Amino acid sequence: MPKFLVIRFSSIGDIVLTSPIVRRLKLQTGGEVHILTKQSFKGLWENNPYVDRIHTIQNKVGEVIPTLESESFDEIIDLHNNLRSLQVKKALGIPSWSFPKLNFQKWILVNFKVDRLPDVHIVDRYMETVQHLGVIDDGDGLDFFLPVDTRDVTEDLPANFSGNYIGFVIGGQHEGKMLSEAKIARLCREFSRPVVLLGGPEDREKGNRIETHLGKDKVFNAAGQYSLMESAILVREASVILTHDTGLMHIASAFKKRVISLWGGTVPELGMYPYRPGEGSEILEVKHFMRPSSKLGSRKGIYRLWNFMDMIPDERIISAVQERKEI
């Protein structure tokens, strides 16, 4: 039985996007699959039935090299392809396969607005690392496995939210990936269904202001209030997910939700758009000569001159969200 080490150190969305490769590798080769990740992201793998063992690092790969050497792996599947993963590959000295990051093509797109990237999702680029093993696309999407003891936090929602709310992911890693607070509040006011705001601790105050302004019968601020797994429950039970380019967007895709994704400083052409989400999903963006502003949406000066996210018409977003209800 072959034994594989799959490397993906971070982050939430990227790890979720590697889940199809792990599933296909396990089911189609019958091999033993180990994961190497950061300690802070271990929880994303712990409930995955296709993972046999998880190895973690806090700061340096040297922390785990002796353990990895004792495992006698047959191959390394490198889905991160950075300096740390290179150190692991050099230390173990066994056959390895790394996914193509295409950084030069991304640089050309960001700086010259010329698209030389292949028209494929990053999941399909990850697949190149396992094709030599005869692993093929199984037709399924992403995986996200919740612990069985995750609390059902939908019990905290007001009665009128039951089974009929919009999940609105209001956070983002960088400013260029987020709508303004004013536009978020304006959209929530116009939606015909109640809204659950989702995000991290850094989004808590913004969510509180919107909830206070519109009332708790209209908006429930869950941003920063729940763990990632509890927030995933709220994503799973929503009628539709309206989201920036975030990790929760990919979790929503794993649950086959109808996902309305909004794009500003980043663009879908970079290959990180929702992967096989639910029926009726849409990608909303505006075409602009300065997009993408960066591959991460992190150039604040450009974003403050051109608010690409807020350029998406309110009516277009409202129409996409309210087009139909999930059955």
C-alpha atoms as a PDB file:
ATOM      1  CA  MET A   1       0.000   0.000   0.000  1.00  0.00           C
ATOM      2  CA  PRO A   2       1.577   3.323  -1.067  1.00  0.00           C
ATOM      3  CA  LYS A   3       2.115   5.965   1.578  1.00  0.00           C
ATOM      4  CA  PHE A   4       1.751   9.645   0.703  1.00  0.00           C
ATOM      5  CA  LEU A   5       2.616  12.908   2.446  1.00  0.00           C
ATOM      6  CA  VAL A   6       0.380  15.762   1.275  1.00  0.00           C
ATOM      7  CA  ILE A   7       1.661  19.249   2.135  1.00  0.00           C
ATOM      8  CA  ARG A   8      -0.645  22.250   2.585  1.00  0.00           C
ATOM      9  CA  PHE A   9       0.287  24.552   5.447  1.00  0.00           C
ATOM     10  CA  SER A  10      -2.499  27.152   5.210  1.00  0.00           C
ATOM     11  CA  SER A  11      -4.995  28.848   4.982  1.00  0.00           C
ATOM     12  CA  ILE A  12      -8.713  28.079   5.455  1.00  0.00           C
ATOM     13  CA  GLY A  13      -9.854  28.497   1.862  1.00  0.00           C
ATOM     14  CA  ASP A  14      -6.723  26.971   0.361  1.00  0.00           C
ATOM     15  CA  ILE A  15      -7.004  23.894   2.573  1.00  0.00           C
ATOM     16  CA  VAL A  16     -10.657  23.401   1.636  1.00  0.00           C
ATOM     17  CA  LEU A  17      -9.644  23.657  -2.019  1.00  0.00           C
ATOM     18  CA  THR A  18      -7.165  20.788  -1.600  1.00  0.00           C
ATOM     19  CA  SER A  19      -9.834  18.455  -0.215  1.00  0.00           C
ATOM     20  CA  PRO A  20     -10.817  16.912  -3.591  1.00  0.00           C
ATOM     21  CA  ILE A  21      -7.201  15.877  -4.191  1.00  0.00           C
ATOM     22  CA  VAL A  22      -6.971  14.143  -0.815  1.00  0.00           C
ATOM     23  CA  ARG A  23     -10.283  12.339  -1.390  1.00  0.00           C
ATOM     24  CA  ARG A  24      -9.397  11.188  -4.889  1.00  0.00           C
ATOM     25  CA  LEU A  25      -5.897  10.139  -3.819  1.00  0.00           C
ATOM     26  CA  LYS A  26      -7.227   8.043  -0.943  1.00  0.00           C
ATOM     27  CA  LEU A  27     -10.134   6.404  -2.752  1.00  0.00           C
ATOM     28  CA  GLN A  28      -8.450   5.778  -6.090  1.00  0.00           C
ATOM     29  CA  THR A  29      -5.050   4.506  -4.897  1.00  0.00           C
ATOM     30  CA  GLY A  30      -6.080   2.867  -1.628  1.00  0.00           C
ATOM     31  CA  GLY A  31      -2.944   4.382  -0.130  1.00  0.00           C
ATOM     32  CA  GLU A  32      -2.194   5.816   3.286  1.00  0.00           C
ATOM     33  CA  VAL A  33      -2.557   9.597   3.266  1.00  0.00           C
ATOM     34  CA  HIS A  34      -0.758  11.844   5.753  1.00  0.00           C
ATOM     35  CA  ILE A  35      -1.159  15.631   5.916  1.00  0.00           C
ATOM     36  CA  LEU A  36       1.478  18.218   6.850  1.00  0.00           C
ATOM     37  CA  THR A  37      -0.046  21.538   7.914  1.00  0.00           C
ATOM     38  CA  LYS A  38       0.276  24.322  10.479  1.00  0.00           C
ATOM     39  CA  GLN A  39      -0.929  23.536  13.988  1.00  0.00           C
ATOM     40  CA  SER A  40      -3.507  26.327  13.796  1.00  0.00           C
ATOM     41  CA  PHE A  41      -5.184  24.626  10.815  1.00  0.00           C
ATOM     42  CA  LYS A  42      -5.142  21.067  12.140  1.00  0.00           C
ATOM     43  CA  GLY A  43      -8.857  21.240  12.942  1.00  0.00           C
ATOM     44  CA  LEU A  44      -9.695  21.509   9.247  1.00  0.00           C
ATOM     45  CA  TRP A  45      -8.291  18.010   8.708  1.00  0.00           C
ATOM     46  CA  GLU A  46      -9.221  16.203  11.925  1.00  0.00           C
ATOM     47  CA  ASN A  47     -12.666  15.057  10.789  1.00  0.00           C
ATOM     48  CA  ASN A  48     -11.681  14.166   7.233  1.00  0.00           C
ATOM     49  CA  PRO A  49     -12.237  10.402   6.719  1.00  0.00           C
ATOM     50  CA  TYR A  50      -9.718  10.349   3.865  1.00  0.00           C
ATOM     51  CA  VAL A  51      -6.808  11.397   6.116  1.00  0.00           C
ATOM     52  CA  ASP A  52      -4.893   8.739   8.055  1.00  0.00           C
ATOM     53  CA  ARG A  53      -2.596  10.988  10.074  1.00  0.00           C
ATOM     54  CA  ILE A  54      -1.899  14.700  10.547  1.00  0.00           C
ATOM     55  CA  HIS A  55       1.550  16.193  11.145  1.00  0.00           C
ATOM     56  CA  THR A  56       1.840  19.826  12.219  1.00  0.00           C
ATOM     57  CA  ILE A  57       4.364  22.596  12.655  1.00  0.00           C
ATOM     58  CA  GLN A  58       4.265  25.705  14.813  1.00  0.00           C
ATOM     59  CA  ASN A  59       7.025  27.758  13.195  1.00  0.00           C
ATOM     60  CA  LYS A  60       9.599  25.640  11.365  1.00  0.00           C
ATOM     61  CA  VAL A  61       9.506  22.378   9.433  1.00  0.00           C
ATOM     62  CA  GLY A  62      12.521  21.215  11.419  1.00  0.00           C
ATOM     63  CA  GLU A  63      10.121  20.546  14.270  1.00  0.00           C
ATOM     64  CA  VAL A  64       8.616  17.603  12.420  1.00  0.00           C
ATOM     65  CA  ILE A  65      11.352  16.343  10.069  1.00  0.00           C
ATOM     66  CA  PRO A  66      12.488  13.460  12.349  1.00  0.00           C
ATOM     67  CA  THR A  67       8.916  12.187  12.603  1.00  0.00           C
ATOM     68  CA  LEU A  68       8.405  12.454   8.847  1.00  0.00           C
ATOM     69  CA  GLU A  69      11.665  10.591   8.167  1.00  0.00           C
ATOM     70  CA  SER A  70      10.485   7.711  10.368  1.00  0.00           C
ATOM     71  CA  GLU A  71       7.280   7.311   8.332  1.00  0.00           C
ATOM     72  CA  SER A  72       9.031   6.036   5.174  1.00  0.00           C
ATOM     73  CA  PHE A  73       6.750   7.786   2.689  1.00  0.00           C
ATOM     74  CA  ASP A  74       6.729   6.712  -0.945  1.00  0.00           C
ATOM     75  CA  GLU A  75       5.891  10.137  -2.394  1.00  0.00           C
ATOM     76  CA  ILE A  76       5.295  13.750  -1.449  1.00  0.00           C
ATOM     77  CA  ILE A  77       2.349  15.600  -2.961  1.00  0.00           C
ATOM     78  CA  ASP A  78       3.234  19.262  -2.501  1.00  0.00           C
ATOM     79  CA  LEU A  79       0.111  21.414  -2.751  1.00  0.00           C
ATOM     80  CA  HIS A  80       1.774  24.481  -1.227  1.00  0.00           C
ATOM     81  CA  ASN A  81       5.006  24.769  -3.200  1.00  0.00           C
ATOM     82  CA  ASN A  82       6.937  27.266  -1.081  1.00  0.00           C
ATOM     83  CA  LEU A  83      10.259  27.435   0.742  1.00  0.00           C
ATOM     84  CA  ARG A  84       9.003  25.372   3.680  1.00  0.00           C
ATOM     85  CA  SER A  85       7.696  22.579   1.498  1.00  0.00           C
ATOM     86  CA  LEU A  86      10.976  22.626  -0.431  1.00  0.00           C
ATOM     87  CA  GLN A  87      12.823  22.085   2.873  1.00  0.00           C
ATOM     88  CA  VAL A  88      10.645  19.047   3.565  1.00  0.00           C
ATOM     89  CA  LYS A  89      11.275  17.598   0.124  1.00  0.00           C
ATOM     90  CA  LYS A  90      15.035  18.078   0.419  1.00  0.00           C
ATOM     91  CA  ALA A  91      15.112  16.553   3.907  1.00  0.00           C
ATOM     92  CA  LEU A  92      13.147  13.437   2.944  1.00  0.00           C
ATOM     93  CA  GLY A  93      14.801  12.968  -0.438  1.00  0.00           C
ATOM     94  CA  ILE A  94      11.963  10.954  -1.974  1.00  0.00           C
ATOM     95  CA  PRO A  95       9.965  11.453  -5.194  1.00  0.00           C
ATOM     96  CA  SER A  96       7.795  14.556  -5.008  1.00  0.00           C
ATOM     97  CA  TRP A  97       5.273  16.345  -7.178  1.00  0.00           C
ATOM     98  CA  SER A  98       4.458  20.051  -6.811  1.00  0.00           C
ATOM     99  CA  PHE A  99       1.524  21.995  -8.174  1.00  0.00           C
ATOM    100  CA  PRO A 100       2.293  24.850 -10.609  1.00  0.00           C
ATOM    101  CA  LYS A 101       1.807  28.210  -8.862  1.00  0.00           C
ATOM    102  CA  LEU A 102       2.133  30.178 -12.130  1.00  0.00           C
ATOM    103  CA  ASN A 103       3.464  33.215 -10.295  1.00  0.00           C
ATOM    104  CA  PHE A 104       4.887  34.795 -13.452  1.00  0.00           C
ATOM    105  CA  GLN A 105       1.540  34.584 -15.231  1.00  0.00           C
ATOM    106  CA  LYS A 106      -0.155  36.100 -12.171  1.00  0.00           C
ATOM    107  CA  TRP A 107       2.393  38.921 -12.183  1.00  0.00           C
ATOM    108  CA  ILE A 108       1.683  39.618 -15.850  1.00  0.00           C
ATOM    109  CA  LEU A 109      -2.067  39.755 -15.161  1.00  0.00           C
ATOM    110  CA  VAL A 110      -1.733  42.047 -12.131  1.00  0.00           C
ATOM    111  CA  ASN A 111       0.806  44.450 -13.620  1.00  0.00           C
ATOM    112  CA  PHE A 112      -0.085  44.480 -17.324  1.00  0.00           C
ATOM    113  CA  LYS A 113      -3.696  43.217 -17.252  1.00  0.00           C
ATOM    114  CA  VAL A 114      -2.776  40.540 -19.781  1.00  0.00           C
ATOM    115  CA  ASP A 115      -4.247  37.155 -18.964  1.00  0.00           C
ATOM    116  CA  ARG A 116      -1.835  34.305 -19.686  1.00  0.00           C
ATOM    117  CA  LEU A 117      -3.290  32.011 -17.035  1.00  0.00           C
ATOM    118  CA  PRO A 118      -4.918  28.735 -18.088  1.00  0.00           C
ATOM    119  CA  ASP A 119      -8.703  28.822 -17.970  1.00  0.00           C
ATOM    120  CA  VAL A 120      -8.895  26.228 -15.191  1.00  0.00           C
ATOM    121  CA  HIS A 121      -9.672  26.264 -11.494  1.00  0.00           C
ATOM    122  CA  ILE A 122      -6.805  25.914  -9.018  1.00  0.00           C
ATOM    123  CA  VAL A 123      -8.268  22.521  -8.001  1.00  0.00           C
ATOM    124  CA  ASP A 124      -7.571  21.312 -11.538  1.00  0.00           C
ATOM    125  CA  ARG A 125      -3.989  22.576 -11.232  1.00  0.00           C
ATOM    126  CA  TYR A 126      -3.667  20.665  -7.966  1.00  0.00           C
ATOM    127  CA  MET A 127      -4.754  17.570  -9.907  1.00  0.00           C
ATOM    128  CA  GLU A 128      -1.562  17.708 -11.961  1.00  0.00           C
ATOM    129  CA  THR A 129       0.333  16.488  -8.882  1.00  0.00           C
ATOM    130  CA  VAL A 130      -1.487  13.143  -8.770  1.00  0.00           C
ATOM    131  CA  GLN A 131      -2.246  12.369 -12.409  1.00  0.00           C
ATOM    132  CA  HIS A 132       0.899  10.222 -12.702  1.00  0.00           C
ATOM    133  CA  LEU A 133      -0.758   7.880 -10.174  1.00  0.00           C
ATOM    134  CA  GLY A 134      -3.779   7.422 -12.426  1.00  0.00           C
ATOM    135  CA  VAL A 135      -5.947   9.613 -10.189  1.00  0.00           C
ATOM    136  CA  ILE A 136      -8.783  11.248 -12.121  1.00  0.00           C
ATOM    137  CA  ASP A 137     -11.528  13.764 -11.488  1.00  0.00           C
ATOM    138  CA  ASP A 138     -14.383  12.009  -9.678  1.00  0.00           C
ATOM    139  CA  GLY A 139     -16.932  14.666 -10.624  1.00  0.00           C
ATOM    140  CA  ASP A 140     -17.529  15.742  -7.035  1.00  0.00           C
ATOM    141  CA  GLY A 141     -16.687  19.082  -5.475  1.00  0.00           C
ATOM    142  CA  LEU A 142     -15.060  20.176  -2.246  1.00  0.00           C
ATOM    143  CA  ASP A 143     -15.247  18.464   1.149  1.00  0.00           C
ATOM    144  CA  PHE A 144     -15.801  20.046   4.542  1.00  0.00           C
ATOM    145  CA  PHE A 145     -16.420  17.802   7.526  1.00  0.00           C
ATOM    146  CA  LEU A 146     -17.920  19.149  10.736  1.00  0.00           C
ATOM    147  CA  PRO A 147     -17.212  17.551  14.127  1.00  0.00           C
ATOM    148  CA  VAL A 148     -20.261  15.599  15.267  1.00  0.00           C
ATOM    149  CA  ASP A 149     -20.374  17.597  18.498  1.00  0.00           C
ATOM    150  CA  THR A 150     -20.530  21.017  16.795  1.00  0.00           C
ATOM    151  CA  ARG A 151     -23.275  23.036  18.459  1.00  0.00           C
ATOM    152  CA  ASP A 152     -26.236  23.925  16.265  1.00  0.00           C
ATOM    153  CA  VAL A 153     -25.973  27.686  16.591  1.00  0.00           C
ATOM    154  CA  THR A 154     -29.036  28.261  14.416  1.00  0.00           C
ATOM    155  CA  GLU A 155     -30.888  27.871  17.723  1.00  0.00           C
ATOM    156  CA  ASP A 156     -29.583  31.343  18.617  1.00  0.00           C
ATOM    157  CA  LEU A 157     -31.319  32.976  15.659  1.00  0.00           C
ATOM    158  CA  PRO A 158     -34.623  34.855  15.979  1.00  0.00           C
ATOM    159  CA  ALA A 159     -37.691  32.779  15.126  1.00  0.00           C
ATOM    160  CA  ASN A 160     -38.327  34.598  11.829  1.00  0.00           C
ATOM    161  CA  PHE A 161     -34.880  33.521  10.533  1.00  0.00           C
ATOM    162  CA  SER A 162     -35.681  29.800  10.615  1.00  0.00           C
ATOM    163  CA  GLY A 163     -34.834  28.149   7.282  1.00  0.00           C
ATOM    164  CA  ASN A 164     -35.134  31.392   5.354  1.00  0.00           C
ATOM    165  CA  TYR A 165     -32.115  33.609   5.895  1.00  0.00           C
ATOM    166  CA  ILE A 166     -29.356  35.001   3.701  1.00  0.00           C
ATOM    167  CA  GLY A 167     -25.804  34.281   4.873  1.00  0.00           C
ATOM    168  CA  PHE A 168     -23.735  37.393   4.137  1.00  0.00           C
ATOM    169  CA  VAL A 169     -19.952  36.980   4.538  1.00  0.00           C
ATOM    170  CA  ILE A 170     -18.829  40.558   5.227  1.00  0.00           C
ATOM    171  CA  GLY A 171     -15.127  39.991   5.980  1.00  0.00           C
ATOM    172  CA  GLY A 172     -12.043  39.590   3.861  1.00  0.00           C
ATOM    173  CA  GLN A 173      -8.296  39.298   4.234  1.00  0.00           C
ATOM    174  CA  HIS A 174      -7.662  42.636   2.508  1.00  0.00           C
ATOM    175  CA  GLU A 175      -9.565  45.856   1.924  1.00  0.00           C
ATOM    176  CA  GLY A 176      -9.745  45.230  -1.817  1.00  0.00           C
ATOM    177  CA  LYS A 177     -11.865  42.136  -1.167  1.00  0.00           C
ATOM    178  CA  MET A 178     -14.600  43.830   0.887  1.00  0.00           C
ATOM    179  CA  LEU A 179     -17.668  45.938   0.275  1.00  0.00           C
ATOM    180  CA  SER A 180     -17.902  49.148   2.268  1.00  0.00           C
ATOM    181  CA  GLU A 181     -19.922  49.063   5.479  1.00  0.00           C
ATOM    182  CA  ALA A 182     -22.425  51.522   4.002  1.00  0.00           C
ATOM    183  CA  LYS A 183     -23.086  49.298   0.993  1.00  0.00           C
ATOM    184  CA  ILE A 184     -23.447  46.193   3.165  1.00  0.00           C
ATOM    185  CA  ALA A 185     -26.037  47.963   5.321  1.00  0.00           C
ATOM    186  CA  ARG A 186     -27.861  49.265   2.251  1.00  0.00           C
ATOM    187  CA  LEU A 187     -28.098  45.796   0.734  1.00  0.00           C
ATOM    188  CA  CYS A 188     -29.316  44.234   3.989  1.00  0.00           C
ATOM    189  CA  ARG A 189     -32.067  46.848   4.178  1.00  0.00           C
ATOM    190  CA  GLU A 190     -33.295  45.972   0.684  1.00  0.00           C
ATOM    191  CA  PHE A 191     -33.262  42.180   0.972  1.00  0.00           C
ATOM    192  CA  SER A 192     -36.687  40.611   1.419  1.00  0.00           C
ATOM    193  CA  ARG A 193     -35.304  37.963   3.797  1.00  0.00           C
ATOM    194  CA  PRO A 194     -33.445  38.342   7.110  1.00  0.00           C
ATOM    195  CA  VAL A 195     -29.649  38.345   7.011  1.00  0.00           C
ATOM    196  CA  VAL A 196     -27.017  36.600   9.129  1.00  0.00           C
ATOM    197  CA  LEU A 197     -23.697  38.458   8.981  1.00  0.00           C
ATOM    198  CA  LEU A 198     -20.656  36.156   8.946  1.00  0.00           C
ATOM    199  CA  GLY A 199     -17.004  36.926   9.481  1.00  0.00           C
ATOM    200  CA  GLY A 200     -14.153  36.961  11.975  1.00  0.00           C
ATOM    201  CA  PRO A 201     -13.500  38.912  15.187  1.00  0.00           C
ATOM    202  CA  GLU A 202     -12.204  41.839  13.130  1.00  0.00           C
ATOM    203  CA  ASP A 203     -15.685  42.183  11.573  1.00  0.00           C
ATOM    204  CA  ARG A 204     -17.568  42.146  14.881  1.00  0.00           C
ATOM    205  CA  GLU A 205     -17.870  45.900  15.439  1.00  0.00           C
ATOM    206  CA  LYS A 206     -18.892  46.557  11.853  1.00  0.00           C
ATOM    207  CA  GLY A 207     -21.569  43.879  12.131  1.00  0.00           C
ATOM    208  CA  ASN A 208     -22.800  45.312  15.430  1.00  0.00           C
ATOM    209  CA  ARG A 209     -23.299  48.743  13.882  1.00  0.00           C
ATOM    210  CA  ILE A 210     -25.277  47.269  10.985  1.00  0.00           C
ATOM    211  CA  GLU A 211     -27.391  45.111  13.321  1.00  0.00           C
ATOM    212  CA  THR A 212     -28.140  48.085  15.592  1.00  0.00           C
ATOM    213  CA  HIS A 213     -29.043  50.299  12.650  1.00  0.00           C
ATOM    214  CA  LEU A 214     -31.394  47.829  10.943  1.00  0.00           C
ATOM    215  CA  GLY A 215     -32.746  45.912  13.946  1.00  0.00           C
ATOM    216  CA  LYS A 216     -32.328  42.328  15.147  1.00  0.00           C
ATOM    217  CA  ASP A 217     -35.469  41.161  13.359  1.00  0.00           C
ATOM    218  CA  LYS A 218     -33.701  42.045  10.081  1.00  0.00           C
ATOM    219  CA  VAL A 219     -30.001  41.374  10.807  1.00  0.00           C
ATOM    220  CA  PHE A 220     -28.264  38.926  13.156  1.00  0.00           C
ATOM    221  CA  ASN A 221     -24.569  39.639  13.624  1.00  0.00           C
ATOM    222  CA  ALA A 222     -22.699  36.320  13.911  1.00  0.00           C
ATOM    223  CA  ALA A 223     -19.330  37.802  12.867  1.00  0.00           C
ATOM    224  CA  GLY A 224     -16.715  37.088  15.506  1.00  0.00           C
ATOM    225  CA  GLN A 225     -19.271  35.446  17.771  1.00  0.00           C
ATOM    226  CA  TYR A 226     -18.758  31.819  16.781  1.00  0.00           C
ATOM    227  CA  SER A 227     -15.958  29.402  15.981  1.00  0.00           C
ATOM    228  CA  LEU A 228     -15.189  28.492  12.382  1.00  0.00           C
ATOM    229  CA  MET A 229     -17.101  25.221  12.710  1.00  0.00           C
ATOM    230  CA  GLU A 230     -20.117  26.954  14.242  1.00  0.00           C
ATOM    231  CA  SER A 231     -20.028  29.576  11.492  1.00  0.00           C
ATOM    232  CA  ALA A 232     -19.971  26.714   8.996  1.00  0.00           C
ATOM    233  CA  ILE A 233     -23.268  25.511  10.499  1.00  0.00           C
ATOM    234  CA  LEU A 234     -24.779  28.918   9.716  1.00  0.00           C
ATOM    235  CA  VAL A 235     -23.399  28.688   6.178  1.00  0.00           C
ATOM    236  CA  ARG A 236     -24.836  25.202   5.702  1.00  0.00           C
ATOM    237  CA  GLU A 237     -28.316  26.183   6.878  1.00  0.00           C
ATOM    238  CA  ALA A 238     -28.604  29.442   4.902  1.00  0.00           C
ATOM    239  CA  SER A 239     -30.917  29.746   1.914  1.00  0.00           C
ATOM    240  CA  VAL A 240     -28.181  31.446  -0.101  1.00  0.00           C
ATOM    241  CA  ILE A 241     -24.660  32.726   0.598  1.00  0.00           C
ATOM    242  CA  LEU A 242     -23.575  36.209  -0.493  1.00  0.00           C
ATOM    243  CA  THR A 243     -19.839  36.437  -0.027  1.00  0.00           C
ATOM    244  CA  HIS A 244     -16.573  38.159  -0.692  1.00  0.00           C
ATOM    245  CA  ASP A 245     -13.568  36.106  -1.831  1.00  0.00           C
ATOM    246  CA  THR A 246     -13.030  34.289   1.498  1.00  0.00           C
ATOM    247  CA  GLY A 247     -12.568  30.880   3.096  1.00  0.00           C
ATOM    248  CA  LEU A 248     -16.272  30.737   3.953  1.00  0.00           C
ATOM    249  CA  MET A 249     -17.012  31.091   0.239  1.00  0.00           C
ATOM    250  CA  HIS A 250     -15.225  27.781  -0.344  1.00  0.00           C
ATOM    251  CA  ILE A 251     -16.936  26.154   2.648  1.00  0.00           C
ATOM    252  CA  ALA A 252     -20.268  27.233   1.152  1.00  0.00           C
ATOM    253  CA  SER A 253     -19.253  25.582  -2.123  1.00  0.00           C
ATOM    254  CA  ALA A 254     -18.409  22.383  -0.239  1.00  0.00           C
ATOM    255  CA  PHE A 255     -21.947  22.386   1.148  1.00  0.00           C
ATOM    256  CA  LYS A 256     -23.313  22.890  -2.412  1.00  0.00           C
ATOM    257  CA  LYS A 257     -24.962  26.147  -1.440  1.00  0.00           C
ATOM    258  CA  ARG A 258     -26.104  28.678  -3.991  1.00  0.00           C
ATOM    259  CA  VAL A 259     -23.176  31.088  -3.797  1.00  0.00           C
ATOM    260  CA  ILE A 260     -23.267  34.684  -5.015  1.00  0.00           C
ATOM    261  CA  SER A 261     -19.617  35.754  -4.951  1.00  0.00           C
ATOM    262  CA  LEU A 262     -18.439  39.362  -5.222  1.00  0.00           C
ATOM    263  CA  TRP A 263     -15.076  40.318  -6.735  1.00  0.00           C
ATOM    264  CA  GLY A 264     -13.121  43.571  -6.535  1.00  0.00           C
ATOM    265  CA  GLY A 265      -9.355  43.782  -6.105  1.00  0.00           C
ATOM    266  CA  THR A 266      -9.009  40.132  -7.106  1.00  0.00           C
ATOM    267  CA  VAL A 267     -10.485  38.411 -10.148  1.00  0.00           C
ATOM    268  CA  PRO A 268     -11.890  34.928 -10.808  1.00  0.00           C
ATOM    269  CA  GLU A 269      -9.276  34.430 -13.530  1.00  0.00           C
ATOM    270  CA  LEU A 270      -6.716  33.804 -10.779  1.00  0.00           C
ATOM    271  CA  GLY A 271      -8.449  30.431 -10.390  1.00  0.00           C
ATOM    272  CA  MET A 272      -9.906  30.723  -6.876  1.00  0.00           C
ATOM    273  CA  TYR A 273     -13.591  31.179  -7.695  1.00  0.00           C
ATOM    274  CA  PRO A 274     -16.232  28.873  -6.125  1.00  0.00           C
ATOM    275  CA  TYR A 275     -15.580  25.281  -7.167  1.00  0.00           C
ATOM    276  CA  ARG A 276     -18.713  23.402  -8.192  1.00  0.00           C
ATOM    277  CA  PRO A 277     -21.107  25.231  -5.856  1.00  0.00           C
ATOM    278  CA  GLY A 278     -24.879  24.767  -5.827  1.00  0.00           C
ATOM    279  CA  GLU A 279     -27.188  25.380  -8.758  1.00  0.00           C
ATOM    280  CA  GLY A 280     -27.904  29.028  -9.507  1.00  0.00           C
ATOM    281  CA  SER A 281     -24.586  30.345  -8.196  1.00  0.00           C
ATOM    282  CA  GLU A 282     -23.220  33.523  -9.767  1.00  0.00           C
ATOM    283  CA  ILE A 283     -19.999  35.532  -9.927  1.00  0.00           C
ATOM    284  CA  LEU A 284     -20.545  39.315  -9.801  1.00  0.00           C
ATOM    285  CA  GLU A 285     -17.888  41.867 -10.712  1.00  0.00           C
ATOM    286  CA  VAL A 286     -17.323  45.032 -12.712  1.00  0.00           C
ATOM    287  CA  LYS A 287     -14.842  45.236 -15.538  1.00  0.00           C
ATOM    288  CA  HIS A 288     -12.232  47.924 -14.874  1.00  0.00           C
ATOM    289  CA  PHE A 289      -8.867  48.702 -16.427  1.00  0.00           C
ATOM    290  CA  MET A 290      -7.147  48.550 -13.005  1.00  0.00           C
ATOM    291  CA  ARG A 291      -8.443  45.100 -12.049  1.00  0.00           C
ATOM    292  CA  PRO A 292      -6.955  43.031 -10.586  1.00  0.00           C
ATOM    293  CA  SER A 293      -5.241  45.519  -8.287  1.00  0.00           C
ATOM    294  CA  SER A 294      -3.156  42.647  -6.902  1.00  0.00           C
ATOM    295  CA  LYS A 295      -3.445  38.892  -6.628  1.00  0.00           C
ATOM    296  CA  LEU A 296      -4.546  39.351  -2.986  1.00  0.00           C
ATOM    297  CA  GLY A 297      -6.542  42.589  -3.196  1.00  0.00           C
ATOM    298  CA  SER A 298      -4.006  44.292  -0.931  1.00  0.00           C
ATOM    299  CA  ARG A 299      -3.055  47.513  -2.753  1.00  0.00           C
ATOM    300  CA  LYS A 300      -4.885  49.977  -0.545  1.00  0.00           C
ATOM    301  CA  GLY A 301      -3.997  53.091  -2.513  1.00  0.00           C
ATOM    302  CA  ILE A 302      -5.522  51.757  -5.717  1.00  0.00           C
ATOM    303  CA  TYR A 303      -8.598  50.472  -3.916  1.00  0.00           C
ATOM    304  CA  ARG A 304      -9.246  53.858  -2.312  1.00  0.00           C
ATOM    305  CA  LEU A 305      -9.176  55.501  -5.723  1.00  0.00           C
ATOM    306  CA  TRP A 306     -11.425  52.911  -7.337  1.00  0.00           C
ATOM    307  CA  ASN A 307     -13.776  51.035  -5.033  1.00  0.00           C
ATOM    308  CA  PHE A 308     -14.224  48.062  -7.343  1.00  0.00           C
ATOM    309  CA  MET A 309     -16.479  46.179  -4.910  1.00  0.00           C
ATOM    310  CA  ASP A 310     -18.860  49.088  -4.420  1.00  0.00           C
ATOM    311  CA  MET A 311     -19.021  49.566  -8.186  1.00  0.00           C
ATOM    312  CA  ILE A 312     -21.125  46.410  -8.479  1.00  0.00           C
ATOM    313  CA  PRO A 313     -24.691  47.811  -8.759  1.00  0.00           C
ATOM    314  CA  ASP A 314     -26.915  47.223  -5.733  1.00  0.00           C
ATOM    315  CA  GLU A 315     -29.738  46.127  -8.010  1.00  0.00           C
ATOM    316  CA  ARG A 316     -27.567  43.440  -9.602  1.00  0.00           C
ATOM    317  CA  ILE A 317     -26.602  41.972  -6.227  1.00  0.00           C
ATOM    318  CA  ILE A 318     -30.155  42.103  -4.865  1.00  0.00           C
ATOM    319  CA  SER A 319     -31.518  40.465  -8.005  1.00  0.00           C
ATOM    320  CA  ALA A 320     -28.960  37.634  -7.863  1.00  0.00           C
ATOM    321  CA  VAL A 321     -29.578  36.934  -4.178  1.00  0.00           C
ATOM    322  CA  GLN A 322     -33.363  37.043  -4.404  1.00  0.00           C
ATOM    323  CA  GLU A 323     -33.652  35.344  -7.800  1.00  0.00           C
ATOM    324  CA  ARG A 324     -34.972  32.167  -6.255  1.00  0.00           C
ATOM    325  CA  LYS A 325     -35.136  30.421  -2.912  1.00  0.00           C
ATOM    326  CA  GLU A 326     -33.224  27.258  -2.169  1.00  0.00           C
ATOM    327  CA  ILE A 327     -35.413  24.153  -2.020  1.00  0.00           C
END
